[in-house]
C-alpha atoms as a PDB file:
ATOM      1  CA  MET A   1     190.362  81.661  21.839  1.00  0.00           C
ATOM      2  CA  THR A   2     191.811  79.810  18.874  1.00  0.00           C
ATOM      3  CA  ARG A   3     195.558  79.996  18.541  1.00  0.00           C
ATOM      4  CA  PRO A   4     197.853  78.808  15.787  1.00  0.00           C
ATOM      5  CA  SER A   5     200.383  76.171  16.854  1.00  0.00           C
ATOM      6  CA  PRO A   6     203.486  77.949  18.157  1.00  0.00           C
ATOM      7  CA  PRO A   7     207.013  76.987  17.120  1.00  0.00           C
ATOM      8  CA  ALA A   8     208.331  74.011  19.105  1.00  0.00           C
ATOM      9  CA  PRO A   9     210.638  76.077  21.411  1.00  0.00           C
ATOM     10  CA  ALA A  10     207.685  78.305  22.369  1.00  0.00           C
ATOM     11  CA  ARG A  11     205.141  75.559  23.083  1.00  0.00           C
ATOM     12  CA  PRO A  12     205.802  75.398  26.844  1.00  0.00           C
ATOM     13  CA  PHE A  13     205.059  79.135  27.090  1.00  0.00           C
ATOM     14  CA  ALA A  14     201.843  78.665  25.097  1.00  0.00           C
ATOM     15  CA  GLU A  15     200.777  76.017  27.622  1.00  0.00           C
ATOM     16  CA  LEU A  16     201.835  77.864  30.759  1.00  0.00           C
ATOM     17  CA  ALA A  17     201.200  81.568  30.176  1.00  0.00           C
ATOM     18  CA  PRO A  18     197.378  81.381  30.094  1.00  0.00           C
ATOM     19  CA  LEU A  19     197.448  79.749  33.539  1.00  0.00           C
ATOM     20  CA  LEU A  20     198.738  83.009  35.006  1.00  0.00           C
ATOM     21  CA  ILE A  21     196.117  85.342  33.564  1.00  0.00           C
ATOM     22  CA  GLY A  22     193.795  86.651  36.256  1.00  0.00           C
ATOM     23  CA  GLY A  23     196.178  85.841  39.104  1.00  0.00           C
ATOM     24  CA  ARG A  24     197.283  88.436  41.635  1.00  0.00           C
ATOM     25  CA  PRO A  25     200.927  89.574  41.782  1.00  0.00           C
ATOM     26  CA  SER A  26     201.114  88.428  45.401  1.00  0.00           C
ATOM     27  CA  GLU A  27     200.176  84.850  44.417  1.00  0.00           C
ATOM     28  CA  ILE A  28     203.567  83.902  43.005  1.00  0.00           C
ATOM     29  CA  GLU A  29     203.817  80.635  44.943  1.00  0.00           C
ATOM     30  CA  VAL A  30     200.254  79.654  44.007  1.00  0.00           C
ATOM     31  CA  LEU A  31     200.931  80.390  40.355  1.00  0.00           C
ATOM     32  CA  ARG A  32     204.272  78.567  40.439  1.00  0.00           C
ATOM     33  CA  ARG A  33     202.621  75.442  41.819  1.00  0.00           C
ATOM     34  CA  ARG A  34     199.885  75.746  39.223  1.00  0.00           C
ATOM     35  CA  MET A  35     202.505  75.666  36.473  1.00  0.00           C
ATOM     36  CA  ASP A  36     204.174  72.630  38.057  1.00  0.00           C
ATOM     37  CA  LEU A  37     200.860  70.759  38.273  1.00  0.00           C
ATOM     38  CA  HIS A  38     200.075  71.544  34.643  1.00  0.00           C
ATOM     39  CA  MET A  39     203.493  70.650  33.220  1.00  0.00           C
ATOM     40  CA  ASN A  40     206.426  68.637  34.484  1.00  0.00           C
ATOM     41  CA  GLY A  41     209.914  69.912  33.750  1.00  0.00           C
ATOM     42  CA  HIS A  42     210.670  72.778  31.346  1.00  0.00           C
ATOM     43  CA  PRO A  43     212.269  74.886  34.115  1.00  0.00           C
ATOM     44  CA  TYR A  44     213.651  77.382  31.571  1.00  0.00           C
ATOM     45  CA  ALA A  45     210.111  78.322  30.478  1.00  0.00           C
ATOM     46  CA  LYS A  46     208.832  78.540  34.042  1.00  0.00           C
ATOM     47  CA  ALA A  47     211.860  80.638  34.990  1.00  0.00           C
ATOM     48  CA  ALA A  48     210.996  83.379  32.500  1.00  0.00           C
ATOM     49  CA  LEU A  49     207.395  83.560  33.681  1.00  0.00           C
ATOM     50  CA  ASP A  50     208.362  83.424  37.353  1.00  0.00           C
ATOM     51  CA  MET A  51     210.888  86.219  36.822  1.00  0.00           C
ATOM     52  CA  ALA A  52     208.182  88.351  35.197  1.00  0.00           C
ATOM     53  CA  LEU A  53     205.856  87.738  38.147  1.00  0.00           C
ATOM     54  CA  TRP A  54     208.492  88.931  40.631  1.00  0.00           C
ATOM     55  CA  ASP A  55     209.135  92.019  38.513  1.00  0.00           C
ATOM     56  CA  LEU A  56     205.399  92.761  38.450  1.00  0.00           C
ATOM     57  CA  LEU A  57     205.102  92.288  42.211  1.00  0.00           C
ATOM     58  CA  GLY A  58     207.963  94.721  42.752  1.00  0.00           C
ATOM     59  CA  HIS A  59     206.287  97.344  40.579  1.00  0.00           C
ATOM     60  CA  CYS A  60     202.967  96.861  42.385  1.00  0.00           C
ATOM     61  CA  ALA A  61     204.684  97.220  45.759  1.00  0.00           C
ATOM     62  CA  GLY A  62     206.942 100.059  44.616  1.00  0.00           C
ATOM     63  CA  LEU A  63     209.974  98.111  45.822  1.00  0.00           C
ATOM     64  CA  PRO A  64     213.096  96.713  44.171  1.00  0.00           C
ATOM     65  CA  LEU A  65     213.254  92.938  43.917  1.00  0.00           C
ATOM     66  CA  VAL A  66     216.160  92.822  46.394  1.00  0.00           C
ATOM     67  CA  ASP A  67     213.826  94.105  49.137  1.00  0.00           C
ATOM     68  CA  LEU A  68     211.241  91.423  48.365  1.00  0.00           C
ATOM     69  CA  LEU A  69     213.963  88.766  48.624  1.00  0.00           C
ATOM     70  CA  GLY A  70     215.137  89.755  52.101  1.00  0.00           C
ATOM     71  CA  GLY A  71     216.901  93.080  51.664  1.00  0.00           C
ATOM     72  CA  PRO A  72     220.384  93.989  50.446  1.00  0.00           C
ATOM     73  CA  SER A  73     223.591  92.814  52.091  1.00  0.00           C
ATOM     74  CA  GLY A  74     225.975  95.517  50.927  1.00  0.00           C
ATOM     75  CA  GLU A  75     225.747  97.755  47.904  1.00  0.00           C
ATOM     76  CA  THR A  76     227.623  95.784  45.236  1.00  0.00           C
ATOM     77  CA  VAL A  77     228.290  92.205  44.152  1.00  0.00           C
ATOM     78  CA  ASP A  78     231.716  90.920  43.087  1.00  0.00           C
ATOM     79  CA  LEU A  79     231.887  89.695  39.498  1.00  0.00           C
ATOM     80  CA  TYR A  80     233.968  87.018  37.859  1.00  0.00           C
ATOM     81  CA  ARG A  81     235.200  86.685  34.299  1.00  0.00           C
ATOM     82  CA  SER A  82     235.802  83.409  32.458  1.00  0.00           C
ATOM     83  CA  VAL A  83     238.965  82.533  30.564  1.00  0.00           C
ATOM     84  CA  SER A  84     238.126  79.939  27.911  1.00  0.00           C
ATOM     85  CA  GLN A  85     240.382  76.960  27.211  1.00  0.00           C
ATOM     86  CA  ASP A  86     243.215  77.908  24.894  1.00  0.00           C
ATOM     87  CA  THR A  87     246.980  77.906  24.897  1.00  0.00           C
ATOM     88  CA  PRO A  88     248.444  78.958  28.245  1.00  0.00           C
ATOM     89  CA  GLU A  89     249.811  82.120  26.624  1.00  0.00           C
ATOM     90  CA  ARG A  90     246.429  83.210  25.292  1.00  0.00           C
ATOM     91  CA  MET A  91     244.693  82.364  28.542  1.00  0.00           C
ATOM     92  CA  VAL A  92     247.206  84.463  30.463  1.00  0.00           C
ATOM     93  CA  GLU A  93     246.666  87.333  28.036  1.00  0.00           C
ATOM     94  CA  ARG A  94     242.903  87.187  28.540  1.00  0.00           C
ATOM     95  CA  ALA A  95     243.171  86.887  32.322  1.00  0.00           C
ATOM     96  CA  LEU A  96     245.486  89.897  32.553  1.00  0.00           C
ATOM     97  CA  LYS A  97     243.081  91.905  30.398  1.00  0.00           C
ATOM     98  CA  TYR A  98     240.253  91.228  32.856  1.00  0.00           C
ATOM     99  CA  VAL A  99     242.453  92.027  35.848  1.00  0.00           C
ATOM    100  CA  ALA A 100     243.412  95.323  34.198  1.00  0.00           C
ATOM    101  CA  GLU A 101     239.693  96.075  33.802  1.00  0.00           C
ATOM    102  CA  GLY A 102     239.220  95.639  37.551  1.00  0.00           C
ATOM    103  CA  TYR A 103     237.957  92.080  37.855  1.00  0.00           C
ATOM    104  CA  ARG A 104     239.452  90.317  40.869  1.00  0.00           C
ATOM    105  CA  ARG A 105     237.872  86.891  40.359  1.00  0.00           C
ATOM    106  CA  ILE A 106     238.848  84.772  37.364  1.00  0.00           C
ATOM    107  CA  GLN A 107     237.260  81.484  36.293  1.00  0.00           C
ATOM    108  CA  VAL A 108     239.790  79.361  34.429  1.00  0.00           C
ATOM    109  CA  LYS A 109     238.092  76.838  32.159  1.00  0.00           C
ATOM    110  CA  VAL A 110     239.618  73.372  32.390  1.00  0.00           C
ATOM    111  CA  GLY A 111     238.192  69.897  31.757  1.00  0.00           C
ATOM    112  CA  LEU A 112     240.243  68.783  28.762  1.00  0.00           C
ATOM    113  CA  ASP A 113     243.538  66.906  29.020  1.00  0.00           C
ATOM    114  CA  PRO A 114     244.370  67.132  32.749  1.00  0.00           C
ATOM    115  CA  ASP A 115     248.127  67.540  32.206  1.00  0.00           C
ATOM    116  CA  GLU A 116     247.564  70.430  29.804  1.00  0.00           C
ATOM    117  CA  ASP A 117     245.028  71.905  32.205  1.00  0.00           C
ATOM    118  CA  VAL A 118     247.652  71.870  34.959  1.00  0.00           C
ATOM    119  CA  THR A 119     249.908  73.970  32.733  1.00  0.00           C
ATOM    120  CA  ARG A 120     247.035  76.340  31.980  1.00  0.00           C
ATOM    121  CA  ILE A 121     246.108  77.093  35.571  1.00  0.00           C
ATOM    122  CA  GLU A 122     249.745  77.284  36.692  1.00  0.00           C
ATOM    123  CA  ALA A 123     250.385  79.906  34.011  1.00  0.00           C
ATOM    124  CA  VAL A 124     247.319  81.975  34.938  1.00  0.00           C
ATOM    125  CA  ARG A 125     248.039  81.804  38.667  1.00  0.00           C
ATOM    126  CA  GLU A 126     251.631  82.944  38.184  1.00  0.00           C
ATOM    127  CA  ALA A 127     250.571  85.778  35.892  1.00  0.00           C
ATOM    128  CA  VAL A 128     247.756  87.258  37.986  1.00  0.00           C
ATOM    129  CA  GLY A 129     249.457  86.886  41.356  1.00  0.00           C
ATOM    130  CA  PRO A 130     248.089  85.889  44.769  1.00  0.00           C
ATOM    131  CA  GLY A 131     245.563  88.718  45.081  1.00  0.00           C
ATOM    132  CA  ILE A 132     243.198  87.292  42.458  1.00  0.00           C
ATOM    133  CA  VAL A 133     240.699  84.562  43.373  1.00  0.00           C
ATOM    134  CA  LEU A 134     240.871  81.683  40.872  1.00  0.00           C
ATOM    135  CA  PHE A 135     238.247  79.083  40.064  1.00  0.00           C
ATOM    136  CA  ALA A 136     239.175  76.010  38.018  1.00  0.00           C
ATOM    137  CA  ASP A 137     235.886  75.165  36.297  1.00  0.00           C
ATOM    138  CA  ALA A 138     235.808  71.832  34.492  1.00  0.00           C
ATOM    139  CA  ASN A 139     232.069  71.985  33.684  1.00  0.00           C
ATOM    140  CA  GLY A 140     231.955  68.252  34.353  1.00  0.00           C
ATOM    141  CA  GLY A 141     234.517  67.534  31.666  1.00  0.00           C
ATOM    142  CA  TRP A 142     236.705  64.985  33.478  1.00  0.00           C
ATOM    143  CA  SER A 143     236.409  61.349  34.411  1.00  0.00           C
ATOM    144  CA  THR A 144     237.350  60.540  37.977  1.00  0.00           C
ATOM    145  CA  HIS A 145     240.896  59.477  37.088  1.00  0.00           C
ATOM    146  CA  GLN A 146     241.451  62.706  35.135  1.00  0.00           C
ATOM    147  CA  ALA A 147     240.117  64.816  37.993  1.00  0.00           C
ATOM    148  CA  ARG A 148     242.387  63.045  40.487  1.00  0.00           C
ATOM    149  CA  ARG A 149     245.387  63.586  38.239  1.00  0.00           C
ATOM    150  CA  PHE A 150     244.680  67.326  38.009  1.00  0.00           C
ATOM    151  CA  LEU A 151     243.970  67.710  41.720  1.00  0.00           C
ATOM    152  CA  ARG A 152     247.111  65.898  42.823  1.00  0.00           C
ATOM    153  CA  ALA A 153     249.285  67.924  40.440  1.00  0.00           C
ATOM    154  CA  THR A 154     247.935  71.299  41.603  1.00  0.00           C
ATOM    155  CA  ARG A 155     248.073  70.969  45.370  1.00  0.00           C
ATOM    156  CA  HIS A 156     250.654  73.748  45.449  1.00  0.00           C
ATOM    157  CA  LEU A 157     248.188  76.225  43.920  1.00  0.00           C
ATOM    158  CA  ASP A 158     245.422  78.303  45.523  1.00  0.00           C
ATOM    159  CA  TYR A 159     242.086  77.952  43.721  1.00  0.00           C
ATOM    160  CA  TYR A 160     238.503  76.712  44.015  1.00  0.00           C
ATOM    161  CA  MET A 161     237.574  73.520  42.148  1.00  0.00           C
ATOM    162  CA  GLU A 162     234.254  73.695  40.306  1.00  0.00           C
ATOM    163  CA  GLN A 163     232.242  70.710  38.986  1.00  0.00           C
ATOM    164  CA  PRO A 164     235.143  68.415  38.099  1.00  0.00           C
ATOM    165  CA  CYS A 165     233.031  65.475  36.838  1.00  0.00           C
ATOM    166  CA  PRO A 166     229.684  65.243  35.035  1.00  0.00           C
ATOM    167  CA  THR A 167     227.692  63.330  37.643  1.00  0.00           C
ATOM    168  CA  TYR A 168     227.181  63.900  41.316  1.00  0.00           C
ATOM    169  CA  ALA A 169     228.328  60.340  42.080  1.00  0.00           C
ATOM    170  CA  GLU A 170     231.655  60.967  40.337  1.00  0.00           C
ATOM    171  CA  CYS A 171     232.174  64.291  42.142  1.00  0.00           C
ATOM    172  CA  ARG A 172     231.462  62.550  45.424  1.00  0.00           C
ATOM    173  CA  ALA A 173     233.961  59.799  44.553  1.00  0.00           C
ATOM    174  CA  ILE A 174     236.853  62.253  44.095  1.00  0.00           C
ATOM    175  CA  ARG A 175     236.068  64.419  47.140  1.00  0.00           C
ATOM    176  CA  SER A 176     238.806  62.743  49.219  1.00  0.00           C
ATOM    177  CA  ASP A 177     241.376  63.879  46.639  1.00  0.00           C
ATOM    178  CA  CYS A 178     240.107  67.476  46.636  1.00  0.00           C
ATOM    179  CA  ASP A 179     241.845  69.357  49.462  1.00  0.00           C
ATOM    180  CA  ARG A 180     240.412  72.724  48.422  1.00  0.00           C
ATOM    181  CA  PRO A 181     236.907  74.237  48.341  1.00  0.00           C
ATOM    182  CA  LEU A 182     234.678  72.212  46.007  1.00  0.00           C
ATOM    183  CA  VAL A 183     231.907  74.022  44.137  1.00  0.00           C
ATOM    184  CA  LEU A 184     229.065  72.107  42.504  1.00  0.00           C
ATOM    185  CA  ASP A 185     227.265  73.735  39.591  1.00  0.00           C
ATOM    186  CA  GLU A 186     225.641  71.391  37.068  1.00  0.00           C
ATOM    187  CA  SER A 187     224.836  68.890  39.839  1.00  0.00           C
ATOM    188  CA  ILE A 188     222.715  71.409  41.758  1.00  0.00           C
ATOM    189  CA  ASP A 189     219.422  71.337  39.863  1.00  0.00           C
ATOM    190  CA  SER A 190     216.958  70.919  42.746  1.00  0.00           C
ATOM    191  CA  LEU A 191     216.532  71.203  46.490  1.00  0.00           C
ATOM    192  CA  PRO A 192     216.998  67.430  47.040  1.00  0.00           C
ATOM    193  CA  ALA A 193     220.277  67.567  45.099  1.00  0.00           C
ATOM    194  CA  LEU A 194     221.506  70.421  47.285  1.00  0.00           C
ATOM    195  CA  VAL A 195     220.535  68.714  50.531  1.00  0.00           C
ATOM    196  CA  MET A 196     222.164  65.439  49.453  1.00  0.00           C
ATOM    197  CA  ALA A 197     225.423  67.168  48.494  1.00  0.00           C
ATOM    198  CA  HIS A 198     225.590  68.778  51.909  1.00  0.00           C
ATOM    199  CA  SER A 199     224.561  65.637  53.774  1.00  0.00           C
ATOM    200  CA  ASP A 200     227.269  63.646  51.982  1.00  0.00           C
ATOM    201  CA  ARG A 201     229.851  66.315  52.926  1.00  0.00           C
ATOM    202  CA  VAL A 202     230.801  66.716  49.275  1.00  0.00           C
ATOM    203  CA  VAL A 203     230.228  70.416  48.705  1.00  0.00           C
ATOM    204  CA  ASP A 204     231.590  73.679  50.107  1.00  0.00           C
ATOM    205  CA  ALA A 205     229.807  76.028  47.717  1.00  0.00           C
ATOM    206  CA  VAL A 206     227.060  75.868  45.103  1.00  0.00           C
ATOM    207  CA  THR A 207     226.227  77.660  41.891  1.00  0.00           C
ATOM    208  CA  ILE A 208     222.472  78.172  41.501  1.00  0.00           C
ATOM    209  CA  LYS A 209     221.291  78.999  37.980  1.00  0.00           C
ATOM    210  CA  ILE A 210     217.871  80.601  37.672  1.00  0.00           C
ATOM    211  CA  ALA A 211     216.748  78.887  34.457  1.00  0.00           C
ATOM    212  CA  ARG A 212     218.026  75.493  35.574  1.00  0.00           C
ATOM    213  CA  VAL A 213     216.011  75.459  38.818  1.00  0.00           C
ATOM    214  CA  GLY A 214     212.841  77.066  37.431  1.00  0.00           C
ATOM    215  CA  GLY A 215     212.942  80.735  38.353  1.00  0.00           C
ATOM    216  CA  VAL A 216     213.595  83.351  40.996  1.00  0.00           C
ATOM    217  CA  SER A 217     211.296  81.558  43.462  1.00  0.00           C
ATOM    218  CA  GLN A 218     213.204  78.292  43.379  1.00  0.00           C
ATOM    219  CA  ALA A 219     216.585  80.032  43.203  1.00  0.00           C
ATOM    220  CA  ARG A 220     215.688  81.951  46.364  1.00  0.00           C
ATOM    221  CA  LEU A 221     214.627  78.713  48.093  1.00  0.00           C
ATOM    222  CA  LEU A 222     217.877  76.932  47.225  1.00  0.00           C
ATOM    223  CA  ARG A 223     219.881  80.031  48.149  1.00  0.00           C
ATOM    224  CA  ASP A 224     218.245  80.299  51.564  1.00  0.00           C
ATOM    225  CA  VAL A 225     218.689  76.593  52.304  1.00  0.00           C
ATOM    226  CA  ALA A 226     222.331  76.709  51.199  1.00  0.00           C
ATOM    227  CA  VAL A 227     223.003  79.690  53.457  1.00  0.00           C
ATOM    228  CA  GLY A 228     221.212  77.936  56.318  1.00  0.00           C
ATOM    229  CA  LEU A 229     223.511  74.942  55.795  1.00  0.00           C
ATOM    230  CA  GLY A 230     226.595  77.162  55.841  1.00  0.00           C
ATOM    231  CA  LEU A 231     227.456  76.839  52.148  1.00  0.00           C
ATOM    232  CA  ALA A 232     228.847  79.627  49.987  1.00  0.00           C
ATOM    233  CA  VAL A 233     226.560  80.625  47.124  1.00  0.00           C
ATOM    234  CA  THR A 234     226.806  81.948  43.589  1.00  0.00           C
ATOM    235  CA  VAL A 235     223.507  82.907  41.946  1.00  0.00           C
ATOM    236  CA  GLU A 236     223.693  83.300  38.183  1.00  0.00           C
ATOM    237  CA  ASP A 237     222.126  81.752  35.095  1.00  0.00           C
ATOM    238  CA  THR A 238     222.803  79.843  31.907  1.00  0.00           C
ATOM    239  CA  GLY A 239     223.042  83.049  29.846  1.00  0.00           C
ATOM    240  CA  GLY A 240     221.209  86.287  29.191  1.00  0.00           C
ATOM    241  CA  ALA A 241     221.474  90.042  28.903  1.00  0.00           C
ATOM    242  CA  GLU A 242     220.292  92.986  31.046  1.00  0.00           C
ATOM    243  CA  ILE A 243     216.985  91.482  32.228  1.00  0.00           C
ATOM    244  CA  ASP A 244     218.557  88.233  33.361  1.00  0.00           C
ATOM    245  CA  THR A 245     221.598  89.979  34.837  1.00  0.00           C
ATOM    246  CA  ALA A 246     219.287  92.170  36.914  1.00  0.00           C
ATOM    247  CA  ALA A 247     217.541  89.126  38.414  1.00  0.00           C
ATOM    248  CA  MET A 248     220.922  87.573  39.199  1.00  0.00           C
ATOM    249  CA  LEU A 249     222.085  90.775  40.882  1.00  0.00           C
ATOM    250  CA  HIS A 250     218.992  91.134  43.068  1.00  0.00           C
ATOM    251  CA  LEU A 251     219.260  87.512  44.193  1.00  0.00           C
ATOM    252  CA  SER A 252     222.993  87.888  44.786  1.00  0.00           C
ATOM    253  CA  LEU A 253     222.764  91.164  46.667  1.00  0.00           C
ATOM    254  CA  SER A 254     220.067  89.736  48.957  1.00  0.00           C
ATOM    255  CA  THR A 255     222.393  86.826  49.810  1.00  0.00           C
ATOM    256  CA  PRO A 256     224.259  87.500  53.089  1.00  0.00           C
ATOM    257  CA  ALA A 257     227.684  88.828  52.130  1.00  0.00           C
ATOM    258  CA  ALA A 258     229.494  86.253  54.287  1.00  0.00           C
ATOM    259  CA  PHE A 259     228.013  83.458  52.148  1.00  0.00           C
ATOM    260  CA  ARG A 260     228.158  85.167  48.742  1.00  0.00           C
ATOM    261  CA  LEU A 261     230.881  84.188  46.294  1.00  0.00           C
ATOM    262  CA  HIS A 262     230.208  86.306  43.207  1.00  0.00           C
ATOM    263  CA  THR A 263     228.026  86.508  40.098  1.00  0.00           C
ATOM    264  CA  VAL A 264     228.509  87.476  36.468  1.00  0.00           C
ATOM    265  CA  ASP A 265     227.665  90.493  34.285  1.00  0.00           C
ATOM    266  CA  PHE A 266     226.159  88.588  31.368  1.00  0.00           C
ATOM    267  CA  HIS A 267     224.945  91.791  29.716  1.00  0.00           C
ATOM    268  CA  ASN A 268     228.600  92.626  29.021  1.00  0.00           C
ATOM    269  CA  TRP A 269     229.112  89.237  27.352  1.00  0.00           C
ATOM    270  CA  VAL A 270     226.505  89.694  24.615  1.00  0.00           C
ATOM    271  CA  THR A 271     226.142  91.932  21.585  1.00  0.00           C
ATOM    272  CA  ARG A 272     222.410  92.734  21.792  1.00  0.00           C
ATOM    273  CA  SER A 273     220.924  94.699  24.685  1.00  0.00           C
ATOM    274  CA  ASN A 274     217.434  93.878  25.954  1.00  0.00           C
ATOM    275  CA  GLY A 275     217.035  96.527  28.637  1.00  0.00           C
ATOM    276  CA  ARG A 276     218.244  99.691  30.347  1.00  0.00           C
ATOM    277  CA  GLY A 277     218.828 100.451  34.003  1.00  0.00           C
ATOM    278  CA  LEU A 278     221.909  98.572  35.159  1.00  0.00           C
ATOM    279  CA  PRO A 279     224.689 100.671  36.666  1.00  0.00           C
ATOM    280  CA  PRO A 280     228.224 100.373  35.265  1.00  0.00           C
ATOM    281  CA  VAL A 281     230.735  97.813  36.469  1.00  0.00           C
ATOM    282  CA  LEU A 282     233.271  99.479  38.759  1.00  0.00           C
ATOM    283  CA  GLY A 283     236.302  97.724  40.197  1.00  0.00           C
ATOM    284  CA  GLY A 284     235.029  94.289  39.244  1.00  0.00           C
ATOM    285  CA  ALA A 285     231.746  94.794  41.086  1.00  0.00           C
ATOM    286  CA  ILE A 286     228.247  96.039  40.275  1.00  0.00           C
ATOM    287  CA  GLY A 287     225.156  97.197  42.138  1.00  0.00           C
ATOM    288  CA  ILE A 288     221.510  97.454  41.123  1.00  0.00           C
ATOM    289  CA  GLY A 289     219.491 100.261  39.592  1.00  0.00           C
ATOM    290  CA  PRO A 290     217.094 102.427  41.621  1.00  0.00           C
ATOM    291  CA  GLY A 291     213.840 101.263  40.031  1.00  0.00           C
ATOM    292  CA  ALA A 292     211.123  98.933  41.302  1.00  0.00           C
ATOM    293  CA  GLY A 293     211.091  95.232  40.489  1.00  0.00           C
ATOM    294  CA  LEU A 294     214.085  94.274  38.400  1.00  0.00           C
ATOM    295  CA  GLY A 295     214.825  97.960  37.835  1.00  0.00           C
ATOM    296  CA  ILE A 296     215.037  97.390  34.086  1.00  0.00           C
ATOM    297  CA  THR A 297     213.246  99.141  31.236  1.00  0.00           C
ATOM    298  CA  SER A 298     212.853  96.592  28.456  1.00  0.00           C
ATOM    299  CA  GLU A 299     214.184  97.352  24.986  1.00  0.00           C
ATOM    300  CA  GLU A 300     211.150  95.834  23.294  1.00  0.00           C
ATOM    301  CA  ALA A 301     212.388  96.682  19.817  1.00  0.00           C
ATOM    302  CA  SER A 302     215.284  94.266  20.321  1.00  0.00           C
ATOM    303  CA  PHE A 303     212.865  91.349  20.775  1.00  0.00           C
ATOM    304  CA  GLY A 304     211.313  91.514  17.321  1.00  0.00           C
ATOM    305  CA  PRO A 305     207.641  90.680  16.715  1.00  0.00           C
ATOM    306  CA  PRO A 306     205.923  88.517  19.351  1.00  0.00           C
ATOM    307  CA  LEU A 307     205.901  84.782  18.757  1.00  0.00           C
ATOM    308  CA  MET A 308     202.377  84.500  20.208  1.00  0.00           C
ATOM    309  CA  GLU A 309     199.706  86.315  22.171  1.00  0.00           C
ATOM    310  CA  PHE A 310     197.898  84.889  25.167  1.00  0.00           C
ATOM    311  CA  GLY A 311     194.396  84.948  26.540  1.00  0.00           C
ATOM    312  CA  PRO A 312     192.562  83.014  29.274  1.00  0.00           C
ATOM    313  CA  LEU A 313     192.060  79.289  28.844  1.00  0.00           C
ATOM    314  CA  GLY A 314     188.693  78.213  27.449  1.00  0.00           C
END
């Protein structure tokens, strides 16, 4: 089959998708390895295809994805909401809005000037009170001296510290100054990275993002290893709407509750829907729909015309 050259962002899909045609839904691991042998990297492209394979397997089996991933631990998953960096007053206003909506877990974005960030998190903590779980997420924005300055100035506060510095080596260097649970996010991009962080006694919890690690298959692997090592786990992604949120929820709900931190309702963060089937958020938590696979009916009209069509190789 002759195909026109796809746009640059779609080229990995044009290379990978034909490799899956003719495979059986139960061959997800075989097909995943086939993609890896054909193309190094591009985990975001592999993640979309891997997610589709799991959805198809669920429909063939007549089971929700959560059952294929080990079964549910509870009925709902706690959700967090992020408060972007701003003046302390505006951050407090946004945090209180989310608390009023029922969210009990607030991620405070830091990672700028450490002294100003101290004022930000102090203001949010005072406003929301002790019953709300706070995460100070720097997204790797600090150098080691900035991270130490923030950590030493906030020892009187109760919060989780998330990805203070950009590299794993820097996060490891400041561990002795971090006397609170340390969550690694951007540093956890593979199974070796996870194992090293645990072996070095750097990490208490990890954030596993589906697109960053290459799909549901790899996210499940990292999740299971993290749980086996006694680490707390958040499964989410780099962004998305209903389809991606559903995958995050199934992975999260199949994580043992004792090791599950929370996830995020990305479909409520965007303006364009891409599917139907998610239940409403209630009390800062959400469950999954009753359908097979991801439990989502795609809103195909929201996608626009297809970028390409695929057939077998050759």
